[in-house]
Amino acid sequence: MLGRVLSGSARRAAAAARALSTSGSGGAPAGQQAGTKVNESATTAMEYKQQHPRQLRQLPRVDAGASAAEQAVSNILYNTPIAPKMHTQRHILDVLAQDEPGVLSRVTGIMAARGFNIDTLVASKTEVPGLSRMTLGLRGPAIVMEQAKKQLEDLVPIWAVLDYSNTRIIERETLLIKIGLTGGEPGAEAEAKPEAEAEAEAEAGDSFLRAQERLRAVRQLADLFGGQVLDVGHSTVVVSLNAKSDRVDSFVKLVRPFGILEAVRSGIMAMPRSGSVTLFESEQAAPAATISHDDGPDLSNLPPS
């Protein structure tokens, strides 16, 4: 009898313990009810991510091959039309402006903004007080030149812009050039110190003869080009030439073997001719004139005698 009572009390105690464990867990899962330790720390998820890094699956790629891109680029380049080249030509502009500071810089700034490289520039006063004249020689496309001319005409100090590119003009450029007569730098013979006086005199005589020969040759070239000898020294000669730019270039090339010590060019100066027919030979190719014998006056239109 006593054993039954003890077994009944043991069963009741076990049931009470199970009820307490169920109410204390608050409906926790079965694994936690069995005694699993629960970590309530907020960094548990970060630690788990660090210990178990996520491995991303690589997406399948379609290998188009290295030649596919090259083929596409070559097709684009082959089918793209080539931009037409803009033909450059020589332009001569005459700008009439007020004689005030800053005008020249504004003119050159507009040309530089349009991409023109000014070959020559001559600016000076005119016979009219307060009026200056600038002559520009440059090369560039005709379309861009028209835009530059319009911008120049919009400037307040500019009175007019004259384009002499396709006009019969008189073109001149002045050259001052100093040429050596000894075949080297001036004073080279004075620095030399021969051992014997006889050799020195002979060498000086030979140098003088060579200088005279060179001077004679330079004077002949200057006469052929219409130049003028302005100064003659022991070892140098200064020549002035006033001609077209092409003739000036040719003269410089011919005297280069003598030795050019200094050279100054004034730039292009231009002025339109008097008319279609002048007494002097034109420097530009003029169309051949045709003479017709049927150009006489009509006698029927004359008054009666």
C-alpha atoms as a PDB file:
ATOM      1  CA  MET A   1       0.000   0.000   0.000  1.00  0.00           C
ATOM      2  CA  LEU A   2       2.816   2.326   0.930  1.00  0.00           C
ATOM      3  CA  GLY A   3       4.602   1.580  -2.379  1.00  0.00           C
ATOM      4  CA  ARG A   4       1.541   2.558  -4.369  1.00  0.00           C
ATOM      5  CA  VAL A   5       1.274   5.847  -2.513  1.00  0.00           C
ATOM      6  CA  LEU A   6       4.951   6.632  -3.206  1.00  0.00           C
ATOM      7  CA  SER A   7       4.623   5.772  -6.888  1.00  0.00           C
ATOM      8  CA  GLY A   8       1.564   8.007  -7.196  1.00  0.00           C
ATOM      9  CA  SER A   9       3.341  10.908  -5.540  1.00  0.00           C
ATOM     10  CA  ALA A  10       6.330  10.402  -7.844  1.00  0.00           C
ATOM     11  CA  ARG A  11       4.099  10.555 -10.863  1.00  0.00           C
ATOM     12  CA  ARG A  12       2.430  13.734  -9.637  1.00  0.00           C
ATOM     13  CA  ALA A  13       5.813  15.360  -8.988  1.00  0.00           C
ATOM     14  CA  ALA A  14       7.019  14.494 -12.486  1.00  0.00           C
ATOM     15  CA  ALA A  15       3.840  15.920 -14.031  1.00  0.00           C
ATOM     16  CA  ALA A  16       4.242  19.146 -12.056  1.00  0.00           C
ATOM     17  CA  ALA A  17       7.875  19.460 -13.225  1.00  0.00           C
ATOM     18  CA  ARG A  18       6.813  19.038 -16.856  1.00  0.00           C
ATOM     19  CA  ALA A  19       4.109  21.698 -16.423  1.00  0.00           C
ATOM     20  CA  LEU A  20       6.615  24.157 -14.971  1.00  0.00           C
ATOM     21  CA  SER A  21       9.087  23.592 -17.753  1.00  0.00           C
ATOM     22  CA  THR A  22       6.380  24.111 -20.373  1.00  0.00           C
ATOM     23  CA  SER A  23       5.117  27.363 -18.838  1.00  0.00           C
ATOM     24  CA  GLY A  24       8.682  28.745 -18.370  1.00  0.00           C
ATOM     25  CA  SER A  25       9.717  28.174 -21.974  1.00  0.00           C
ATOM     26  CA  GLY A  26       6.699  30.094 -23.316  1.00  0.00           C
ATOM     27  CA  GLY A  27       6.021  27.655 -26.155  1.00  0.00           C
ATOM     28  CA  ALA A  28       9.706  27.214 -27.181  1.00  0.00           C
ATOM     29  CA  PRO A  29      10.576  24.514 -29.703  1.00  0.00           C
ATOM     30  CA  ALA A  30      11.217  21.009 -28.621  1.00  0.00           C
ATOM     31  CA  GLY A  31      14.973  21.279 -29.054  1.00  0.00           C
ATOM     32  CA  GLN A  32      15.174  24.226 -26.690  1.00  0.00           C
ATOM     33  CA  GLN A  33      12.845  22.512 -24.186  1.00  0.00           C
ATOM     34  CA  ALA A  34      15.298  19.667 -24.096  1.00  0.00           C
ATOM     35  CA  GLY A  35      17.942  21.958 -22.625  1.00  0.00           C
ATOM     36  CA  THR A  36      19.446  23.724 -25.722  1.00  0.00           C
ATOM     37  CA  LYS A  37      21.374  26.898 -24.780  1.00  0.00           C
ATOM     38  CA  VAL A  38      19.863  30.057 -26.319  1.00  0.00           C
ATOM     39  CA  ASN A  39      22.244  32.988 -27.167  1.00  0.00           C
ATOM     40  CA  GLU A  40      20.455  36.315 -26.942  1.00  0.00           C
ATOM     41  CA  SER A  41      23.469  38.423 -28.211  1.00  0.00           C
ATOM     42  CA  ALA A  42      22.830  40.791 -31.178  1.00  0.00           C
ATOM     43  CA  THR A  43      26.236  40.003 -32.826  1.00  0.00           C
ATOM     44  CA  THR A  44      25.510  36.364 -33.324  1.00  0.00           C
ATOM     45  CA  ALA A  45      24.296  36.872 -36.891  1.00  0.00           C
ATOM     46  CA  MET A  46      27.418  38.842 -37.883  1.00  0.00           C
ATOM     47  CA  GLU A  47      29.697  36.201 -36.397  1.00  0.00           C
ATOM     48  CA  TYR A  48      27.797  33.517 -38.270  1.00  0.00           C
ATOM     49  CA  LYS A  49      28.197  35.407 -41.586  1.00  0.00           C
ATOM     50  CA  GLN A  50      31.908  35.807 -41.013  1.00  0.00           C
ATOM     51  CA  GLN A  51      32.373  32.153 -40.169  1.00  0.00           C
ATOM     52  CA  HIS A  52      30.200  30.991 -43.069  1.00  0.00           C
ATOM     53  CA  PRO A  53      30.864  33.299 -46.045  1.00  0.00           C
ATOM     54  CA  ARG A  54      28.267  33.241 -48.770  1.00  0.00           C
ATOM     55  CA  GLN A  55      29.408  31.781 -52.051  1.00  0.00           C
ATOM     56  CA  LEU A  56      27.734  33.333 -55.099  1.00  0.00           C
ATOM     57  CA  ARG A  57      27.046  31.134 -58.012  1.00  0.00           C
ATOM     58  CA  GLN A  58      28.543  32.282 -61.280  1.00  0.00           C
ATOM     59  CA  LEU A  59      26.080  32.963 -64.048  1.00  0.00           C
ATOM     60  CA  PRO A  60      26.627  31.135 -67.303  1.00  0.00           C
ATOM     61  CA  ARG A  61      28.466  33.312 -69.905  1.00  0.00           C
ATOM     62  CA  VAL A  62      28.340  33.123 -73.631  1.00  0.00           C
ATOM     63  CA  ASP A  63      31.865  33.421 -75.049  1.00  0.00           C
ATOM     64  CA  ALA A  64      31.481  35.376 -78.287  1.00  0.00           C
ATOM     65  CA  GLY A  65      35.172  35.127 -79.096  1.00  0.00           C
ATOM     66  CA  ALA A  66      37.867  37.798 -79.353  1.00  0.00           C
ATOM     67  CA  SER A  67      37.341  38.312 -83.067  1.00  0.00           C
ATOM     68  CA  ALA A  68      33.682  39.361 -82.724  1.00  0.00           C
ATOM     69  CA  ALA A  69      34.506  42.811 -81.257  1.00  0.00           C
ATOM     70  CA  GLU A  70      37.283  43.394 -83.767  1.00  0.00           C
ATOM     71  CA  GLN A  71      34.967  42.472 -86.599  1.00  0.00           C
ATOM     72  CA  ALA A  72      32.275  44.849 -85.323  1.00  0.00           C
ATOM     73  CA  VAL A  73      34.725  47.749 -84.997  1.00  0.00           C
ATOM     74  CA  SER A  74      36.149  47.141 -88.456  1.00  0.00           C
ATOM     75  CA  ASN A  75      32.651  47.091 -89.947  1.00  0.00           C
ATOM     76  CA  ILE A  76      31.816  50.413 -88.286  1.00  0.00           C
ATOM     77  CA  LEU A  77      35.024  52.024 -89.531  1.00  0.00           C
ATOM     78  CA  TYR A  78      34.548  50.650 -93.024  1.00  0.00           C
ATOM     79  CA  ASN A  79      30.953  51.861 -93.295  1.00  0.00           C
ATOM     80  CA  THR A  80      31.616  55.315 -91.801  1.00  0.00           C
ATOM     81  CA  PRO A  81      32.079  57.885 -94.601  1.00  0.00           C
ATOM     82  CA  ILE A  82      35.317  59.866 -94.604  1.00  0.00           C
ATOM     83  CA  ALA A  83      34.934  63.544 -93.784  1.00  0.00           C
ATOM     84  CA  PRO A  84      35.753  65.759 -96.773  1.00  0.00           C
ATOM     85  CA  LYS A  85      38.999  67.689 -96.533  1.00  0.00           C
ATOM     86  CA  MET A  86      38.651  71.454 -96.481  1.00  0.00           C
ATOM     87  CA  HIS A  87      40.885  73.011 -99.102  1.00  0.00           C
ATOM     88  CA  THR A  88      43.069  75.794 -97.769  1.00  0.00           C
ATOM     89  CA  GLN A  89      43.992  78.768 -99.859  1.00  0.00           C
ATOM     90  CA  ARG A  90      45.967  81.948 -99.440  1.00  0.00           C
ATOM     91  CA  HIS A  91      44.065  84.989 -98.222  1.00  0.00           C
ATOM     92  CA  ILE A  92      45.096  88.636 -98.049  1.00  0.00           C
ATOM     93  CA  LEU A  93      42.915  90.891 -95.915  1.00  0.00           C
ATOM     94  CA  ASP A  94      43.084  94.649 -95.569  1.00  0.00           C
ATOM     95  CA  VAL A  95      41.498  95.934 -92.364  1.00  0.00           C
ATOM     96  CA  LEU A  96      40.711  99.639 -91.985  1.00  0.00           C
ATOM     97  CA  ALA A  97      40.319 100.504 -88.324  1.00  0.00           C
ATOM     98  CA  GLN A  98      40.478 103.391 -85.923  1.00  0.00           C
ATOM     99  CA  ASP A  99      43.911 104.274 -84.616  1.00  0.00           C
ATOM    100  CA  GLU A 100      43.398 103.337 -80.970  1.00  0.00           C
ATOM    101  CA  PRO A 101      44.987 100.870 -78.523  1.00  0.00           C
ATOM    102  CA  GLY A 102      43.765  97.279 -78.436  1.00  0.00           C
ATOM    103  CA  VAL A 103      42.451  97.001 -82.004  1.00  0.00           C
ATOM    104  CA  LEU A 104      45.326  94.851 -83.242  1.00  0.00           C
ATOM    105  CA  SER A 105      44.999  92.386 -80.373  1.00  0.00           C
ATOM    106  CA  ARG A 106      41.255  91.995 -81.007  1.00  0.00           C
ATOM    107  CA  VAL A 107      41.814  91.317 -84.704  1.00  0.00           C
ATOM    108  CA  THR A 108      44.507  88.722 -84.070  1.00  0.00           C
ATOM    109  CA  GLY A 109      42.360  87.140 -81.329  1.00  0.00           C
ATOM    110  CA  ILE A 110      39.490  86.528 -83.739  1.00  0.00           C
ATOM    111  CA  MET A 111      41.845  84.949 -86.277  1.00  0.00           C
ATOM    112  CA  ALA A 112      43.424  82.751 -83.623  1.00  0.00           C
ATOM    113  CA  ALA A 113      40.005  81.619 -82.384  1.00  0.00           C
ATOM    114  CA  ARG A 114      39.151  80.512 -85.931  1.00  0.00           C
ATOM    115  CA  GLY A 115      42.354  78.488 -86.188  1.00  0.00           C
ATOM    116  CA  PHE A 116      44.191  80.760 -88.635  1.00  0.00           C
ATOM    117  CA  ASN A 117      47.952  81.079 -88.442  1.00  0.00           C
ATOM    118  CA  ILE A 118      48.867  84.607 -89.517  1.00  0.00           C
ATOM    119  CA  ASP A 119      51.858  84.392 -91.867  1.00  0.00           C
ATOM    120  CA  THR A 120      52.468  88.138 -92.195  1.00  0.00           C
ATOM    121  CA  LEU A 121      51.004  91.198 -90.505  1.00  0.00           C
ATOM    122  CA  VAL A 122      51.685  94.827 -91.407  1.00  0.00           C
ATOM    123  CA  ALA A 123      50.017  97.617 -89.419  1.00  0.00           C
ATOM    124  CA  SER A 124      50.658 101.325 -89.884  1.00  0.00           C
ATOM    125  CA  LYS A 125      49.002 104.726 -90.011  1.00  0.00           C
ATOM    126  CA  THR A 126      47.489 106.138 -93.184  1.00  0.00           C
ATOM    127  CA  GLU A 127      47.326 109.592 -94.716  1.00  0.00           C
ATOM    128  CA  VAL A 128      44.021 110.148 -92.883  1.00  0.00           C
ATOM    129  CA  PRO A 129      44.441 111.164 -89.215  1.00  0.00           C
ATOM    130  CA  GLY A 130      42.972 108.596 -86.842  1.00  0.00           C
ATOM    131  CA  LEU A 131      42.805 105.807 -89.458  1.00  0.00           C
ATOM    132  CA  SER A 132      45.154 102.805 -89.476  1.00  0.00           C
ATOM    133  CA  ARG A 133      45.546 100.014 -91.998  1.00  0.00           C
ATOM    134  CA  MET A 134      46.380  96.373 -91.280  1.00  0.00           C
ATOM    135  CA  THR A 135      47.325  93.887 -94.003  1.00  0.00           C
ATOM    136  CA  LEU A 136      47.109  90.222 -93.014  1.00  0.00           C
ATOM    137  CA  GLY A 137      48.490  87.314 -95.026  1.00  0.00           C
ATOM    138  CA  LEU A 138      47.213  83.910 -93.940  1.00  0.00           C
ATOM    139  CA  ARG A 139      46.023  80.514 -95.172  1.00  0.00           C
ATOM    140  CA  GLY A 140      42.815  78.659 -94.378  1.00  0.00           C
ATOM    141  CA  PRO A 141      39.460  77.380 -95.670  1.00  0.00           C
ATOM    142  CA  ALA A 142      37.288  79.850 -97.546  1.00  0.00           C
ATOM    143  CA  ILE A 143      34.172  79.061 -95.472  1.00  0.00           C
ATOM    144  CA  VAL A 144      35.896  79.780 -92.178  1.00  0.00           C
ATOM    145  CA  MET A 145      37.405  82.924 -93.673  1.00  0.00           C
ATOM    146  CA  GLU A 146      33.943  84.304 -94.455  1.00  0.00           C
ATOM    147  CA  GLN A 147      32.876  83.775 -90.851  1.00  0.00           C
ATOM    148  CA  ALA A 148      36.017  85.484 -89.575  1.00  0.00           C
ATOM    149  CA  LYS A 149      35.435  88.458 -91.878  1.00  0.00           C
ATOM    150  CA  LYS A 150      31.898  88.901 -90.535  1.00  0.00           C
ATOM    151  CA  GLN A 151      33.195  88.848 -86.975  1.00  0.00           C
ATOM    152  CA  LEU A 152      35.817  91.450 -87.835  1.00  0.00           C
ATOM    153  CA  GLU A 153      33.227  93.702 -89.422  1.00  0.00           C
ATOM    154  CA  ASP A 154      31.107  93.500 -86.257  1.00  0.00           C
ATOM    155  CA  LEU A 155      33.856  95.072 -84.176  1.00  0.00           C
ATOM    156  CA  VAL A 156      33.181  98.705 -83.304  1.00  0.00           C
ATOM    157  CA  PRO A 157      36.662 100.131 -84.162  1.00  0.00           C
ATOM    158  CA  ILE A 158      36.684  98.394 -87.597  1.00  0.00           C
ATOM    159  CA  TRP A 159      35.548 100.526 -90.518  1.00  0.00           C
ATOM    160  CA  ALA A 160      35.862  97.944 -93.309  1.00  0.00           C
ATOM    161  CA  VAL A 161      37.438  94.572 -94.161  1.00  0.00           C
ATOM    162  CA  LEU A 162      38.710  94.161 -97.746  1.00  0.00           C
ATOM    163  CA  ASP A 163      39.452  90.703 -99.133  1.00  0.00           C
ATOM    164  CA  TYR A 164      42.136  90.756-101.843  1.00  0.00           C
ATOM    165  CA  SER A 165      42.290  86.969-102.249  1.00  0.00           C
ATOM    166  CA  ASN A 166      40.784  86.934-105.764  1.00  0.00           C
ATOM    167  CA  THR A 167      41.618  90.509-106.778  1.00  0.00           C
ATOM    168  CA  ARG A 168      44.279  91.888-109.102  1.00  0.00           C
ATOM    169  CA  ILE A 169      46.635  93.544-106.646  1.00  0.00           C
ATOM    170  CA  ILE A 170      50.145  94.902-106.380  1.00  0.00           C
ATOM    171  CA  GLU A 171      51.961  92.890-103.735  1.00  0.00           C
ATOM    172  CA  ARG A 172      55.284  93.893-102.226  1.00  0.00           C
ATOM    173  CA  GLU A 173      57.502  92.778 -99.354  1.00  0.00           C
ATOM    174  CA  THR A 174      60.723  94.369 -98.120  1.00  0.00           C
ATOM    175  CA  LEU A 175      63.763  92.324 -97.099  1.00  0.00           C
ATOM    176  CA  LEU A 176      66.864  93.431 -95.207  1.00  0.00           C
ATOM    177  CA  ILE A 177      69.534  90.737 -95.168  1.00  0.00           C
ATOM    178  CA  LYS A 178      73.131  90.699 -93.940  1.00  0.00           C
ATOM    179  CA  ILE A 179      75.393  88.282 -95.810  1.00  0.00           C
ATOM    180  CA  GLY A 180      78.871  87.137 -94.822  1.00  0.00           C
ATOM    181  CA  LEU A 181      81.799  87.625 -97.218  1.00  0.00           C
ATOM    182  CA  THR A 182      84.393  85.468 -95.462  1.00  0.00           C
ATOM    183  CA  GLY A 183      82.560  82.177 -95.463  1.00  0.00           C
ATOM    184  CA  GLY A 184      82.305  82.205 -91.672  1.00  0.00           C
ATOM    185  CA  GLU A 185      81.558  84.439 -88.722  1.00  0.00           C
ATOM    186  CA  PRO A 186      82.803  88.042 -88.805  1.00  0.00           C
ATOM    187  CA  GLY A 187      86.236  88.498 -87.261  1.00  0.00           C
ATOM    188  CA  ALA A 188      87.333  84.910 -87.795  1.00  0.00           C
ATOM    189  CA  GLU A 189      90.456  86.055 -89.654  1.00  0.00           C
ATOM    190  CA  ALA A 190      91.400  88.524 -86.882  1.00  0.00           C
ATOM    191  CA  GLU A 191      91.340  85.767 -84.249  1.00  0.00           C
ATOM    192  CA  ALA A 192      93.732  83.559 -86.229  1.00  0.00           C
ATOM    193  CA  LYS A 193      97.411  83.938 -85.231  1.00  0.00           C
ATOM    194  CA  PRO A 194      99.814  82.526 -87.859  1.00  0.00           C
ATOM    195  CA  GLU A 195     103.361  81.809 -86.842  1.00  0.00           C
ATOM    196  CA  ALA A 196     105.082  83.799 -89.595  1.00  0.00           C
ATOM    197  CA  GLU A 197     104.256  87.312 -90.782  1.00  0.00           C
ATOM    198  CA  ALA A 198     104.608  86.297 -94.434  1.00  0.00           C
ATOM    199  CA  GLU A 199     101.991  83.621 -94.027  1.00  0.00           C
ATOM    200  CA  ALA A 200      99.753  86.125 -92.273  1.00  0.00           C
ATOM    201  CA  GLU A 201     100.068  88.628 -95.115  1.00  0.00           C
ATOM    202  CA  ALA A 202      99.429  85.943 -97.723  1.00  0.00           C
ATOM    203  CA  GLU A 203      96.405  84.683 -95.838  1.00  0.00           C
ATOM    204  CA  ALA A 204      95.063  88.228 -95.441  1.00  0.00           C
ATOM    205  CA  GLY A 205      95.481  88.842 -99.166  1.00  0.00           C
ATOM    206  CA  ASP A 206      93.697  85.623-100.023  1.00  0.00           C
ATOM    207  CA  SER A 207      90.859  86.472 -97.628  1.00  0.00           C
ATOM    208  CA  PHE A 208      90.473  89.907 -99.168  1.00  0.00           C
ATOM    209  CA  LEU A 209      90.333  88.428-102.678  1.00  0.00           C
ATOM    210  CA  ARG A 210      87.747  85.855-101.612  1.00  0.00           C
ATOM    211  CA  ALA A 211      85.679  88.586 -99.961  1.00  0.00           C
ATOM    212  CA  GLN A 212      85.792  90.677-103.145  1.00  0.00           C
ATOM    213  CA  GLU A 213      84.666  87.700-105.223  1.00  0.00           C
ATOM    214  CA  ARG A 214      81.794  87.020-102.862  1.00  0.00           C
ATOM    215  CA  LEU A 215      80.826  90.696-102.859  1.00  0.00           C
ATOM    216  CA  ARG A 216      80.805  90.737-106.660  1.00  0.00           C
ATOM    217  CA  ALA A 217      78.596  87.639-106.762  1.00  0.00           C
ATOM    218  CA  VAL A 218      76.165  89.063-104.173  1.00  0.00           C
ATOM    219  CA  ARG A 219      75.901  92.348-106.094  1.00  0.00           C
ATOM    220  CA  GLN A 220      75.137  90.484-109.313  1.00  0.00           C
ATOM    221  CA  LEU A 221      72.342  88.552-107.592  1.00  0.00           C
ATOM    222  CA  ALA A 222      70.967  91.748-106.074  1.00  0.00           C
ATOM    223  CA  ASP A 223      70.958  93.443-109.496  1.00  0.00           C
ATOM    224  CA  LEU A 224      69.131  90.490-111.047  1.00  0.00           C
ATOM    225  CA  PHE A 225      66.390  90.683-108.406  1.00  0.00           C
ATOM    226  CA  GLY A 226      66.225  94.469-108.352  1.00  0.00           C
ATOM    227  CA  GLY A 227      67.843  94.759-104.931  1.00  0.00           C
ATOM    228  CA  GLN A 228      70.179  97.388-103.552  1.00  0.00           C
ATOM    229  CA  VAL A 229      73.397  97.138-101.551  1.00  0.00           C
ATOM    230  CA  LEU A 230      73.003  99.377 -98.506  1.00  0.00           C
ATOM    231  CA  ASP A 231      76.186  98.694 -96.546  1.00  0.00           C
ATOM    232  CA  VAL A 232      79.538  96.991 -97.195  1.00  0.00           C
ATOM    233  CA  GLY A 233      82.059  96.013 -94.533  1.00  0.00           C
ATOM    234  CA  HIS A 234      85.246  93.977 -94.330  1.00  0.00           C
ATOM    235  CA  SER A 235      83.338  90.755 -93.817  1.00  0.00           C
ATOM    236  CA  THR A 236      79.632  91.550 -94.348  1.00  0.00           C
ATOM    237  CA  VAL A 237      77.296  93.185 -96.833  1.00  0.00           C
ATOM    238  CA  VAL A 238      73.701  94.351 -96.277  1.00  0.00           C
ATOM    239  CA  VAL A 239      71.234  94.067 -99.165  1.00  0.00           C
ATOM    240  CA  SER A 240      67.725  95.491 -99.415  1.00  0.00           C
ATOM    241  CA  LEU A 241      65.106  93.928-101.686  1.00  0.00           C
ATOM    242  CA  ASN A 242      61.565  95.072-102.371  1.00  0.00           C
ATOM    243  CA  ALA A 243      59.636  92.478-104.385  1.00  0.00           C
ATOM    244  CA  LYS A 244      56.907  89.855-104.229  1.00  0.00           C
ATOM    245  CA  SER A 245      57.066  87.216-101.530  1.00  0.00           C
ATOM    246  CA  ASP A 246      58.018  84.500-104.027  1.00  0.00           C
ATOM    247  CA  ARG A 247      60.967  86.519-105.344  1.00  0.00           C
ATOM    248  CA  VAL A 248      62.096  87.266-101.805  1.00  0.00           C
ATOM    249  CA  ASP A 249      62.042  83.547-100.976  1.00  0.00           C
ATOM    250  CA  SER A 250      64.056  82.770-104.095  1.00  0.00           C
ATOM    251  CA  PHE A 251      66.674  85.412-103.281  1.00  0.00           C
ATOM    252  CA  VAL A 252      67.080  84.086 -99.742  1.00  0.00           C
ATOM    253  CA  LYS A 253      67.634  80.562-101.066  1.00  0.00           C
ATOM    254  CA  LEU A 254      70.292  81.765-103.532  1.00  0.00           C
ATOM    255  CA  VAL A 255      72.341  83.723-100.986  1.00  0.00           C
ATOM    256  CA  ARG A 256      72.114  81.062 -98.280  1.00  0.00           C
ATOM    257  CA  PRO A 257      75.409  79.365 -99.353  1.00  0.00           C
ATOM    258  CA  PHE A 258      77.280  82.636 -98.698  1.00  0.00           C
ATOM    259  CA  GLY A 259      76.132  82.604 -95.090  1.00  0.00           C
ATOM    260  CA  ILE A 260      73.148  84.586 -93.805  1.00  0.00           C
ATOM    261  CA  LEU A 261      73.961  86.428 -90.584  1.00  0.00           C
ATOM    262  CA  GLU A 262      70.672  88.324 -90.157  1.00  0.00           C
ATOM    263  CA  ALA A 263      67.427  88.681 -92.080  1.00  0.00           C
ATOM    264  CA  VAL A 264      64.334  90.832 -91.513  1.00  0.00           C
ATOM    265  CA  ARG A 265      61.130  90.745 -93.585  1.00  0.00           C
ATOM    266  CA  SER A 266      58.439  93.391 -93.380  1.00  0.00           C
ATOM    267  CA  GLY A 267      55.473  91.280 -94.466  1.00  0.00           C
ATOM    268  CA  ILE A 268      53.039  91.633 -97.328  1.00  0.00           C
ATOM    269  CA  MET A 269      51.827  95.078 -98.388  1.00  0.00           C
ATOM    270  CA  ALA A 270      48.997  94.995-100.920  1.00  0.00           C
ATOM    271  CA  MET A 271      47.051  97.520-102.972  1.00  0.00           C
ATOM    272  CA  PRO A 272      44.490  96.894-105.729  1.00  0.00           C
ATOM    273  CA  ARG A 273      45.358  97.819-109.281  1.00  0.00           C
ATOM    274  CA  SER A 274      43.884 100.823-111.071  1.00  0.00           C
ATOM    275  CA  GLY A 275      41.608  98.826-113.356  1.00  0.00           C
ATOM    276  CA  SER A 276      41.228  95.791-115.556  1.00  0.00           C
ATOM    277  CA  VAL A 277      43.741  97.170-118.059  1.00  0.00           C
ATOM    278  CA  THR A 278      46.922  98.952-116.926  1.00  0.00           C
ATOM    279  CA  LEU A 279      50.032 100.274-118.640  1.00  0.00           C
ATOM    280  CA  PHE A 280      52.265  97.825-116.741  1.00  0.00           C
ATOM    281  CA  GLU A 281      52.417  94.091-117.073  1.00  0.00           C
ATOM    282  CA  SER A 282      50.243  92.321-114.571  1.00  0.00           C
ATOM    283  CA  GLU A 283      51.947  90.154-111.968  1.00  0.00           C
ATOM    284  CA  GLN A 284      49.068  87.739-112.096  1.00  0.00           C
ATOM    285  CA  ALA A 285      47.863  85.702-114.995  1.00  0.00           C
ATOM    286  CA  ALA A 286      45.365  87.877-116.812  1.00  0.00           C
ATOM    287  CA  PRO A 287      42.849  86.450-119.301  1.00  0.00           C
ATOM    288  CA  ALA A 288      43.808  86.952-122.907  1.00  0.00           C
ATOM    289  CA  ALA A 289      41.940  89.828-124.508  1.00  0.00           C
ATOM    290  CA  THR A 290      40.142  89.142-127.776  1.00  0.00           C
ATOM    291  CA  ILE A 291      39.925  91.875-130.408  1.00  0.00           C
ATOM    292  CA  SER A 292      36.923  91.907-132.708  1.00  0.00           C
ATOM    293  CA  HIS A 293      36.790  94.037-135.853  1.00  0.00           C
ATOM    294  CA  ASP A 294      33.019  94.187-135.718  1.00  0.00           C
ATOM    295  CA  ASP A 295      32.957  96.387-132.615  1.00  0.00           C
ATOM    296  CA  GLY A 296      32.811  99.659-134.589  1.00  0.00           C
ATOM    297  CA  PRO A 297      29.968 102.135-134.040  1.00  0.00           C
ATOM    298  CA  ASP A 298      26.708 101.652-135.867  1.00  0.00           C
ATOM    299  CA  LEU A 299      26.513 104.415-138.511  1.00  0.00           C
ATOM    300  CA  SER A 300      22.741 104.314-138.583  1.00  0.00           C
ATOM    301  CA  ASN A 301      22.618 105.703-135.029  1.00  0.00           C
ATOM    302  CA  LEU A 302      24.792 108.726-135.883  1.00  0.00           C
ATOM    303  CA  PRO A 303      23.108 112.119-136.455  1.00  0.00           C
ATOM    304  CA  PRO A 304      22.791 113.305-140.044  1.00  0.00           C
ATOM    305  CA  SER A 305      25.706 115.359-141.366  1.00  0.00           C
END
